Amino acid sequence: MANQELINQVRLSIFNLPSPIVNFISRFFPLIVKAIILLLLAISFILLTPQSVNAQTAVNFTYAELEGEDFSHRDLTGSVFAASNLRNASFYQSNLTNSVMTEGILFGADLRETDFTGSLIDRVTLDFADLRNAIFTDAIATRTRFYDTNIEGADFTGAVIDRYQIALMCDRASGVNSITGVATRDSLGCDFN
Protein backbone atom coordinates (compact mmCIF):
# COMPACT_ATOMS: atom_id res chain seq x y z
CA MET A 1 0.00 0.00 0.00
CA ALA A 2 2.86 2.37 0.83
CA ASN A 3 4.37 1.80 -2.62
CA GLN A 4 1.07 2.69 -4.31
CA GLU A 5 0.91 5.94 -2.33
CA LEU A 6 4.46 6.76 -3.38
CA ILE A 7 3.52 6.11 -7.02
CA ASN A 8 0.51 8.36 -6.76
CA GLN A 9 2.56 11.14 -5.17
CA VAL A 10 5.20 10.90 -7.87
CA ARG A 11 2.54 10.95 -10.61
CA LEU A 12 1.02 14.05 -9.11
CA SER A 13 4.39 15.79 -8.89
CA ILE A 14 5.30 18.75 -11.06
CA PHE A 15 7.42 16.49 -13.27
CA ASN A 16 4.47 14.42 -14.57
CA LEU A 17 6.66 11.47 -15.44
CA PRO A 18 5.32 8.69 -17.66
CA SER A 19 4.03 5.68 -15.74
CA PRO A 20 6.79 3.23 -16.90
CA ILE A 21 9.43 5.54 -15.39
CA VAL A 22 7.38 5.98 -12.22
CA ASN A 23 6.99 2.20 -11.93
CA PHE A 24 10.74 1.72 -12.43
CA ILE A 25 11.60 4.32 -9.78
CA SER A 26 9.09 2.94 -7.28
CA ARG A 27 10.31 -0.62 -7.85
CA PHE A 28 14.04 0.14 -7.52
CA PHE A 29 13.85 3.16 -5.21
CA PRO A 30 15.44 1.41 -2.18
CA LEU A 31 18.34 0.13 -4.33
CA ILE A 32 18.89 3.52 -5.93
CA VAL A 33 18.97 5.19 -2.52
CA LYS A 34 21.45 2.60 -1.20
CA ALA A 35 23.67 3.02 -4.27
CA ILE A 36 23.68 6.80 -3.90
CA ILE A 37 24.50 6.55 -0.19
CA LEU A 38 27.36 4.10 -0.88
CA LEU A 39 28.70 6.36 -3.62
CA LEU A 40 28.60 9.40 -1.33
CA LEU A 41 30.31 7.46 1.45
CA ALA A 42 33.04 6.29 -0.93
CA ILE A 43 33.65 9.83 -2.20
CA SER A 44 33.66 11.17 1.37
CA PHE A 45 36.14 8.52 2.44
CA ILE A 46 38.50 9.39 -0.42
CA LEU A 47 38.24 13.14 0.11
CA LEU A 48 38.37 13.15 3.90
CA THR A 49 41.11 10.58 4.44
CA PRO A 50 44.36 12.44 5.15
CA GLN A 51 46.80 11.64 2.40
CA SER A 52 50.19 13.21 2.15
CA VAL A 53 51.62 13.27 -1.34
CA ASN A 54 55.16 13.08 0.00
CA ALA A 55 54.65 11.35 3.32
CA GLN A 56 58.05 9.72 3.16
CA THR A 57 60.02 12.76 2.01
CA ALA A 58 58.41 15.95 3.34
CA VAL A 59 59.71 17.20 6.66
CA ASN A 60 58.93 20.25 8.76
CA PHE A 61 61.95 22.06 10.19
CA THR A 62 60.26 25.32 11.18
CA TYR A 63 62.51 27.37 13.50
CA ALA A 64 65.09 24.57 13.47
CA GLU A 65 68.77 25.05 14.25
CA LEU A 66 70.39 23.11 11.42
CA GLU A 67 73.72 24.85 11.02
CA GLY A 68 76.16 22.66 9.09
CA GLU A 69 73.63 19.82 8.59
CA ASP A 70 74.07 17.54 5.58
CA PHE A 71 70.91 17.06 3.49
CA SER A 72 72.84 15.99 0.37
CA HIS A 73 71.23 13.64 -2.16
CA ARG A 74 67.82 13.69 -0.40
CA ASP A 75 64.31 13.95 -1.74
CA LEU A 76 62.81 16.71 0.40
CA THR A 77 59.90 17.53 -1.89
CA GLY A 78 57.36 19.75 -0.14
CA SER A 79 59.48 20.18 2.99
CA VAL A 80 59.28 23.26 5.19
CA PHE A 81 62.38 25.08 6.45
CA ALA A 82 60.63 28.25 7.66
CA ALA A 83 62.77 30.58 9.79
CA SER A 84 65.48 27.92 10.06
CA ASN A 85 69.18 28.47 10.60
CA LEU A 86 70.84 26.56 7.76
CA ARG A 87 74.24 28.28 7.78
CA ASN A 88 76.80 26.18 5.94
CA ALA A 89 74.26 23.38 5.43
CA SER A 90 74.58 21.14 2.39
CA PHE A 91 71.71 20.32 0.05
CA TYR A 92 74.01 19.11 -2.73
CA GLN A 93 71.95 17.36 -5.44
CA SER A 94 68.80 17.39 -3.30
CA ASN A 95 65.22 17.69 -4.49
CA LEU A 96 63.46 20.60 -2.78
CA THR A 97 60.67 21.10 -5.31
CA ASN A 98 57.61 22.82 -3.87
CA SER A 99 59.41 23.40 -0.58
CA VAL A 100 59.08 26.40 1.73
CA MET A 101 62.17 28.28 2.94
CA THR A 102 60.80 31.57 4.25
CA GLU A 103 62.94 33.79 6.48
CA GLY A 104 65.72 31.19 6.43
CA ILE A 105 69.43 31.72 6.71
CA LEU A 106 71.47 29.74 4.19
CA PHE A 107 74.63 31.77 4.55
CA GLY A 108 77.43 29.81 2.86
CA ALA A 109 75.18 26.83 2.10
CA ASP A 110 76.07 24.24 -0.54
CA LEU A 111 73.11 24.25 -2.92
CA ARG A 112 74.86 22.87 -5.99
CA GLU A 113 72.50 21.03 -8.35
CA THR A 114 69.62 21.45 -5.90
CA ASP A 115 66.15 21.57 -7.46
CA PHE A 116 63.98 24.37 -6.03
CA THR A 117 61.31 24.16 -8.77
CA GLY A 118 58.07 25.79 -7.60
CA SER A 119 59.46 26.56 -4.14
CA LEU A 120 58.76 29.55 -1.92
CA ILE A 121 62.09 31.10 -0.95
CA ASP A 122 60.87 34.38 0.54
CA ARG A 123 63.14 36.60 2.68
CA VAL A 124 66.01 34.11 2.66
CA THR A 125 69.67 35.01 3.08
CA LEU A 126 71.74 33.15 0.49
CA ASP A 127 74.89 35.24 0.90
CA PHE A 128 78.07 33.34 -0.08
CA ALA A 129 76.02 30.25 -0.98
CA ASP A 130 77.07 27.96 -3.82
CA LEU A 131 74.20 27.74 -6.32
CA ARG A 132 76.09 26.24 -9.25
CA ASN A 133 73.68 24.34 -11.51
CA ALA A 134 70.80 24.85 -9.06
CA ILE A 135 67.29 24.98 -10.52
CA PHE A 136 64.95 27.77 -9.41
CA THR A 137 62.35 27.27 -12.17
CA ASP A 138 59.04 28.95 -11.22
CA ALA A 139 60.28 29.58 -7.68
CA ILE A 140 59.25 32.64 -5.71
CA ALA A 141 62.35 34.26 -4.25
CA THR A 142 61.11 37.70 -3.25
CA ARG A 143 63.09 39.76 -0.75
CA THR A 144 65.79 37.09 -0.93
CA ARG A 145 69.47 38.06 -0.89
CA PHE A 146 71.89 36.55 -3.38
CA TYR A 147 74.95 38.62 -2.38
CA ASP A 148 78.25 37.05 -3.41
CA THR A 149 76.58 33.77 -4.36
CA ASN A 150 78.07 31.55 -7.03
CA ILE A 151 75.26 31.29 -9.59
CA GLU A 152 77.26 29.75 -12.44
CA GLY A 153 74.89 27.56 -14.45
CA ALA A 154 71.89 28.21 -12.18
CA ASP A 155 68.50 28.21 -13.94
CA PHE A 156 66.07 30.93 -12.79
CA THR A 157 63.50 30.44 -15.58
CA GLY A 158 60.12 31.83 -14.52
CA ALA A 159 61.36 32.65 -11.01
CA VAL A 160 60.01 35.72 -9.24
CA ILE A 161 63.03 37.65 -7.94
CA ASP A 162 63.38 41.32 -6.96
CA ARG A 163 64.68 43.45 -9.85
CA TYR A 164 67.53 44.81 -7.74
CA GLN A 165 68.77 41.27 -7.02
CA ILE A 166 68.47 40.34 -10.69
CA ALA A 167 70.58 43.36 -11.65
CA LEU A 168 73.26 42.32 -9.15
CA MET A 169 73.19 38.69 -10.32
CA CYS A 170 73.39 39.67 -14.00
CA ASP A 171 76.77 41.27 -13.30
CA ARG A 172 78.20 37.82 -12.49
CA ALA A 173 75.79 35.45 -14.32
CA SER A 174 77.54 32.87 -16.46
CA GLY A 175 77.33 29.28 -17.57
CA VAL A 176 74.67 26.88 -18.73
CA ASN A 177 72.73 24.62 -16.39
CA SER A 178 74.01 21.06 -16.85
CA ILE A 179 70.56 19.60 -16.09
CA THR A 180 68.13 21.91 -17.95
CA GLY A 181 70.50 23.25 -20.62
CA VAL A 182 69.38 26.84 -19.95
CA ALA A 183 71.95 29.64 -19.76
CA THR A 184 71.93 31.53 -16.47
CA ARG A 185 71.90 34.94 -18.19
CA ASP A 186 68.92 33.90 -20.32
CA SER A 187 66.98 32.55 -17.33
CA LEU A 188 67.46 35.87 -15.50
CA GLY A 189 66.61 37.93 -18.58
CA CYS A 190 69.90 39.81 -18.27
CA ASP A 191 70.13 40.80 -21.93
CA PHE A 192 66.48 41.90 -22.12
CA ASN A 193 66.40 44.40 -19.24
C-alpha atoms as a PDB file:
ATOM      1  CA  MET A   1       0.000   0.000   0.000  1.00  0.00           C
ATOM      2  CA  ALA A   2       2.859   2.366   0.834  1.00  0.00           C
ATOM      3  CA  ASN A   3       4.370   1.797  -2.616  1.00  0.00           C
ATOM      4  CA  GLN A   4       1.068   2.692  -4.308  1.00  0.00           C
ATOM      5  CA  GLU A   5       0.911   5.936  -2.332  1.00  0.00           C
ATOM      6  CA  LEU A   6       4.458   6.756  -3.378  1.00  0.00           C
ATOM      7  CA  ILE A   7       3.517   6.113  -7.020  1.00  0.00           C
ATOM      8  CA  ASN A   8       0.510   8.359  -6.765  1.00  0.00           C
ATOM      9  CA  GLN A   9       2.562  11.135  -5.170  1.00  0.00           C
ATOM     10  CA  VAL A  10       5.202  10.900  -7.869  1.00  0.00           C
ATOM     11  CA  ARG A  11       2.545  10.953 -10.612  1.00  0.00           C
ATOM     12  CA  LEU A  12       1.016  14.055  -9.106  1.00  0.00           C
ATOM     13  CA  SER A  13       4.387  15.791  -8.890  1.00  0.00           C
ATOM     14  CA  ILE A  14       5.299  18.746 -11.056  1.00  0.00           C
ATOM     15  CA  PHE A  15       7.416  16.495 -13.273  1.00  0.00           C
ATOM     16  CA  ASN A  16       4.465  14.420 -14.574  1.00  0.00           C
ATOM     17  CA  LEU A  17       6.658  11.472 -15.445  1.00  0.00           C
ATOM     18  CA  PRO A  18       5.317   8.688 -17.659  1.00  0.00           C
ATOM     19  CA  SER A  19       4.030   5.684 -15.736  1.00  0.00           C
ATOM     20  CA  PRO A  20       6.792   3.225 -16.895  1.00  0.00           C
ATOM     21  CA  ILE A  21       9.427   5.540 -15.389  1.00  0.00           C
ATOM     22  CA  VAL A  22       7.381   5.984 -12.222  1.00  0.00           C
ATOM     23  CA  ASN A  23       6.986   2.201 -11.931  1.00  0.00           C
ATOM     24  CA  PHE A  24      10.742   1.718 -12.431  1.00  0.00           C
ATOM     25  CA  ILE A  25      11.596   4.324  -9.775  1.00  0.00           C
ATOM     26  CA  SER A  26       9.094   2.941  -7.282  1.00  0.00           C
ATOM     27  CA  ARG A  27      10.313  -0.619  -7.849  1.00  0.00           C
ATOM     28  CA  PHE A  28      14.036   0.138  -7.525  1.00  0.00           C
ATOM     29  CA  PHE A  29      13.853   3.155  -5.214  1.00  0.00           C
ATOM     30  CA  PRO A  30      15.442   1.413  -2.184  1.00  0.00           C
ATOM     31  CA  LEU A  31      18.339   0.126  -4.332  1.00  0.00           C
ATOM     32  CA  ILE A  32      18.895   3.518  -5.926  1.00  0.00           C
ATOM     33  CA  VAL A  33      18.975   5.194  -2.524  1.00  0.00           C
ATOM     34  CA  LYS A  34      21.449   2.604  -1.196  1.00  0.00           C
ATOM     35  CA  ALA A  35      23.668   3.017  -4.271  1.00  0.00           C
ATOM     36  CA  ILE A  36      23.684   6.800  -3.898  1.00  0.00           C
ATOM     37  CA  ILE A  37      24.502   6.548  -0.189  1.00  0.00           C
ATOM     38  CA  LEU A  38      27.358   4.099  -0.883  1.00  0.00           C
ATOM     39  CA  LEU A  39      28.703   6.358  -3.619  1.00  0.00           C
ATOM     40  CA  LEU A  40      28.597   9.396  -1.333  1.00  0.00           C
ATOM     41  CA  LEU A  41      30.308   7.457   1.450  1.00  0.00           C
ATOM     42  CA  ALA A  42      33.041   6.287  -0.927  1.00  0.00           C
ATOM     43  CA  ILE A  43      33.647   9.827  -2.202  1.00  0.00           C
ATOM     44  CA  SER A  44      33.656  11.170   1.366  1.00  0.00           C
ATOM     45  CA  PHE A  45      36.145   8.521   2.439  1.00  0.00           C
ATOM     46  CA  ILE A  46      38.500   9.389  -0.420  1.00  0.00           C
ATOM     47  CA  LEU A  47      38.238  13.138   0.106  1.00  0.00           C
ATOM     48  CA  LEU A  48      38.374  13.145   3.896  1.00  0.00           C
ATOM     49  CA  THR A  49      41.106  10.580   4.443  1.00  0.00           C
ATOM     50  CA  PRO A  50      44.363  12.436   5.150  1.00  0.00           C
ATOM     51  CA  GLN A  51      46.804  11.641   2.396  1.00  0.00           C
ATOM     52  CA  SER A  52      50.187  13.214   2.155  1.00  0.00           C
ATOM     53  CA  VAL A  53      51.621  13.273  -1.340  1.00  0.00           C
ATOM     54  CA  ASN A  54      55.155  13.080   0.001  1.00  0.00           C
ATOM     55  CA  ALA A  55      54.646  11.353   3.319  1.00  0.00           C
ATOM     56  CA  GLN A  56      58.054   9.722   3.163  1.00  0.00           C
ATOM     57  CA  THR A  57      60.018  12.762   2.008  1.00  0.00           C
ATOM     58  CA  ALA A  58      58.415  15.952   3.339  1.00  0.00           C
ATOM     59  CA  VAL A  59      59.714  17.196   6.665  1.00  0.00           C
ATOM     60  CA  ASN A  60      58.933  20.250   8.764  1.00  0.00           C
ATOM     61  CA  PHE A  61      61.947  22.057  10.192  1.00  0.00           C
ATOM     62  CA  THR A  62      60.258  25.324  11.176  1.00  0.00           C
ATOM     63  CA  TYR A  63      62.512  27.373  13.500  1.00  0.00           C
ATOM     64  CA  ALA A  64      65.090  24.574  13.469  1.00  0.00           C
ATOM     65  CA  GLU A  65      68.775  25.052  14.253  1.00  0.00           C
ATOM     66  CA  LEU A  66      70.390  23.113  11.416  1.00  0.00           C
ATOM     67  CA  GLU A  67      73.720  24.847  11.022  1.00  0.00           C
ATOM     68  CA  GLY A  68      76.159  22.660   9.090  1.00  0.00           C
ATOM     69  CA  GLU A  69      73.629  19.822   8.590  1.00  0.00           C
ATOM     70  CA  ASP A  70      74.071  17.541   5.581  1.00  0.00           C
ATOM     71  CA  PHE A  71      70.907  17.060   3.490  1.00  0.00           C
ATOM     72  CA  SER A  72      72.843  15.988   0.371  1.00  0.00           C
ATOM     73  CA  HIS A  73      71.227  13.636  -2.162  1.00  0.00           C
ATOM     74  CA  ARG A  74      67.825  13.692  -0.396  1.00  0.00           C
ATOM     75  CA  ASP A  75      64.309  13.949  -1.736  1.00  0.00           C
ATOM     76  CA  LEU A  76      62.814  16.711   0.402  1.00  0.00           C
ATOM     77  CA  THR A  77      59.902  17.532  -1.892  1.00  0.00           C
ATOM     78  CA  GLY A  78      57.359  19.748  -0.141  1.00  0.00           C
ATOM     79  CA  SER A  79      59.481  20.181   2.994  1.00  0.00           C
ATOM     80  CA  VAL A  80      59.282  23.264   5.190  1.00  0.00           C
ATOM     81  CA  PHE A  81      62.378  25.075   6.454  1.00  0.00           C
ATOM     82  CA  ALA A  82      60.633  28.251   7.658  1.00  0.00           C
ATOM     83  CA  ALA A  83      62.770  30.577   9.788  1.00  0.00           C
ATOM     84  CA  SER A  84      65.479  27.916  10.061  1.00  0.00           C
ATOM     85  CA  ASN A  85      69.179  28.470  10.599  1.00  0.00           C
ATOM     86  CA  LEU A  86      70.841  26.561   7.759  1.00  0.00           C
ATOM     87  CA  ARG A  87      74.237  28.281   7.781  1.00  0.00           C
ATOM     88  CA  ASN A  88      76.799  26.179   5.940  1.00  0.00           C
ATOM     89  CA  ALA A  89      74.257  23.375   5.432  1.00  0.00           C
ATOM     90  CA  SER A  90      74.581  21.135   2.387  1.00  0.00           C
ATOM     91  CA  PHE A  91      71.714  20.324   0.050  1.00  0.00           C
ATOM     92  CA  TYR A  92      74.008  19.110  -2.726  1.00  0.00           C
ATOM     93  CA  GLN A  93      71.952  17.361  -5.441  1.00  0.00           C
ATOM     94  CA  SER A  94      68.798  17.388  -3.300  1.00  0.00           C
ATOM     95  CA  ASN A  95      65.217  17.694  -4.487  1.00  0.00           C
ATOM     96  CA  LEU A  96      63.463  20.600  -2.783  1.00  0.00           C
ATOM     97  CA  THR A  97      60.666  21.098  -5.314  1.00  0.00           C
ATOM     98  CA  ASN A  98      57.614  22.823  -3.869  1.00  0.00           C
ATOM     99  CA  SER A  99      59.409  23.401  -0.576  1.00  0.00           C
ATOM    100  CA  VAL A 100      59.082  26.404   1.727  1.00  0.00           C
ATOM    101  CA  MET A 101      62.166  28.280   2.940  1.00  0.00           C
ATOM    102  CA  THR A 102      60.801  31.567   4.252  1.00  0.00           C
ATOM    103  CA  GLU A 103      62.944  33.785   6.479  1.00  0.00           C
ATOM    104  CA  GLY A 104      65.715  31.191   6.426  1.00  0.00           C
ATOM    105  CA  ILE A 105      69.427  31.724   6.714  1.00  0.00           C
ATOM    106  CA  LEU A 106      71.466  29.741   4.191  1.00  0.00           C
ATOM    107  CA  PHE A 107      74.631  31.771   4.554  1.00  0.00           C
ATOM    108  CA  GLY A 108      77.434  29.811   2.863  1.00  0.00           C
ATOM    109  CA  ALA A 109      75.178  26.829   2.095  1.00  0.00           C
ATOM    110  CA  ASP A 110      76.073  24.239  -0.545  1.00  0.00           C
ATOM    111  CA  LEU A 111      73.108  24.250  -2.920  1.00  0.00           C
ATOM    112  CA  ARG A 112      74.865  22.869  -5.991  1.00  0.00           C
ATOM    113  CA  GLU A 113      72.504  21.030  -8.352  1.00  0.00           C
ATOM    114  CA  THR A 114      69.620  21.451  -5.900  1.00  0.00           C
ATOM    115  CA  ASP A 115      66.151  21.567  -7.456  1.00  0.00           C
ATOM    116  CA  PHE A 116      63.977  24.375  -6.033  1.00  0.00           C
ATOM    117  CA  THR A 117      61.314  24.162  -8.768  1.00  0.00           C
ATOM    118  CA  GLY A 118      58.072  25.785  -7.601  1.00  0.00           C
ATOM    119  CA  SER A 119      59.459  26.562  -4.141  1.00  0.00           C
ATOM    120  CA  LEU A 120      58.758  29.548  -1.921  1.00  0.00           C
ATOM    121  CA  ILE A 121      62.091  31.102  -0.946  1.00  0.00           C
ATOM    122  CA  ASP A 122      60.873  34.380   0.540  1.00  0.00           C
ATOM    123  CA  ARG A 123      63.144  36.595   2.679  1.00  0.00           C
ATOM    124  CA  VAL A 124      66.010  34.110   2.664  1.00  0.00           C
ATOM    125  CA  THR A 125      69.674  35.009   3.081  1.00  0.00           C
ATOM    126  CA  LEU A 126      71.738  33.149   0.491  1.00  0.00           C
ATOM    127  CA  ASP A 127      74.893  35.237   0.904  1.00  0.00           C
ATOM    128  CA  PHE A 128      78.075  33.344  -0.084  1.00  0.00           C
ATOM    129  CA  ALA A 129      76.017  30.248  -0.978  1.00  0.00           C
ATOM    130  CA  ASP A 130      77.074  27.963  -3.825  1.00  0.00           C
ATOM    131  CA  LEU A 131      74.197  27.739  -6.320  1.00  0.00           C
ATOM    132  CA  ARG A 132      76.094  26.237  -9.245  1.00  0.00           C
ATOM    133  CA  ASN A 133      73.675  24.339 -11.509  1.00  0.00           C
ATOM    134  CA  ALA A 134      70.799  24.847  -9.063  1.00  0.00           C
ATOM    135  CA  ILE A 135      67.290  24.976 -10.521  1.00  0.00           C
ATOM    136  CA  PHE A 136      64.948  27.767  -9.413  1.00  0.00           C
ATOM    137  CA  THR A 137      62.347  27.274 -12.172  1.00  0.00           C
ATOM    138  CA  ASP A 138      59.039  28.948 -11.225  1.00  0.00           C
ATOM    139  CA  ALA A 139      60.283  29.582  -7.678  1.00  0.00           C
ATOM    140  CA  ILE A 140      59.251  32.645  -5.708  1.00  0.00           C
ATOM    141  CA  ALA A 141      62.348  34.263  -4.252  1.00  0.00           C
ATOM    142  CA  THR A 142      61.108  37.701  -3.253  1.00  0.00           C
ATOM    143  CA  ARG A 143      63.089  39.761  -0.751  1.00  0.00           C
ATOM    144  CA  THR A 144      65.787  37.086  -0.927  1.00  0.00           C
ATOM    145  CA  ARG A 145      69.468  38.064  -0.889  1.00  0.00           C
ATOM    146  CA  PHE A 146      71.887  36.551  -3.378  1.00  0.00           C
ATOM    147  CA  TYR A 147      74.953  38.619  -2.385  1.00  0.00           C
ATOM    148  CA  ASP A 148      78.252  37.050  -3.413  1.00  0.00           C
ATOM    149  CA  THR A 149      76.583  33.769  -4.357  1.00  0.00           C
ATOM    150  CA  ASN A 150      78.072  31.555  -7.030  1.00  0.00           C
ATOM    151  CA  ILE A 151      75.262  31.286  -9.590  1.00  0.00           C
ATOM    152  CA  GLU A 152      77.258  29.751 -12.439  1.00  0.00           C
ATOM    153  CA  GLY A 153      74.893  27.561 -14.451  1.00  0.00           C
ATOM    154  CA  ALA A 154      71.888  28.206 -12.180  1.00  0.00           C
ATOM    155  CA  ASP A 155      68.496  28.206 -13.939  1.00  0.00           C
ATOM    156  CA  PHE A 156      66.072  30.927 -12.790  1.00  0.00           C
ATOM    157  CA  THR A 157      63.497  30.444 -15.577  1.00  0.00           C
ATOM    158  CA  GLY A 158      60.125  31.828 -14.518  1.00  0.00           C
ATOM    159  CA  ALA A 159      61.356  32.653 -11.011  1.00  0.00           C
ATOM    160  CA  VAL A 160      60.013  35.724  -9.237  1.00  0.00           C
ATOM    161  CA  ILE A 161      63.033  37.652  -7.939  1.00  0.00           C
ATOM    162  CA  ASP A 162      63.383  41.317  -6.965  1.00  0.00           C
ATOM    163  CA  ARG A 163      64.683  43.452  -9.851  1.00  0.00           C
ATOM    164  CA  TYR A 164      67.527  44.808  -7.738  1.00  0.00           C
ATOM    165  CA  GLN A 165      68.769  41.266  -7.023  1.00  0.00           C
ATOM    166  CA  ILE A 166      68.469  40.342 -10.693  1.00  0.00           C
ATOM    167  CA  ALA A 167      70.575  43.364 -11.649  1.00  0.00           C
ATOM    168  CA  LEU A 168      73.256  42.319  -9.152  1.00  0.00           C
ATOM    169  CA  MET A 169      73.188  38.691 -10.318  1.00  0.00           C
ATOM    170  CA  CYS A 170      73.386  39.668 -14.002  1.00  0.00           C
ATOM    171  CA  ASP A 171      76.773  41.271 -13.299  1.00  0.00           C
ATOM    172  CA  ARG A 172      78.202  37.824 -12.493  1.00  0.00           C
ATOM    173  CA  ALA A 173      75.793  35.445 -14.318  1.00  0.00           C
ATOM    174  CA  SER A 174      77.544  32.873 -16.460  1.00  0.00           C
ATOM    175  CA  GLY A 175      77.331  29.280 -17.566  1.00  0.00           C
ATOM    176  CA  VAL A 176      74.670  26.884 -18.733  1.00  0.00           C
ATOM    177  CA  ASN A 177      72.734  24.621 -16.389  1.00  0.00           C
ATOM    178  CA  SER A 178      74.008  21.063 -16.850  1.00  0.00           C
ATOM    179  CA  ILE A 179      70.564  19.604 -16.090  1.00  0.00           C
ATOM    180  CA  THR A 180      68.132  21.908 -17.953  1.00  0.00           C
ATOM    181  CA  GLY A 181      70.500  23.246 -20.622  1.00  0.00           C
ATOM    182  CA  VAL A 182      69.382  26.835 -19.951  1.00  0.00           C
ATOM    183  CA  ALA A 183      71.949  29.641 -19.764  1.00  0.00           C
ATOM    184  CA  THR A 184      71.932  31.531 -16.470  1.00  0.00           C
ATOM    185  CA  ARG A 185      71.903  34.936 -18.191  1.00  0.00           C
ATOM    186  CA  ASP A 186      68.917  33.896 -20.317  1.00  0.00           C
ATOM    187  CA  SER A 187      66.976  32.554 -17.332  1.00  0.00           C
ATOM    188  CA  LEU A 188      67.462  35.872 -15.502  1.00  0.00           C
ATOM    189  CA  GLY A 189      66.613  37.926 -18.579  1.00  0.00           C
ATOM    190  CA  CYS A 190      69.899  39.815 -18.265  1.00  0.00           C
ATOM    191  CA  ASP A 191      70.126  40.797 -21.928  1.00  0.00           C
ATOM    192  CA  PHE A 192      66.485  41.895 -22.123  1.00  0.00           C
ATOM    193  CA  ASN A 193      66.400  44.396 -19.243  1.00  0.00           C
END
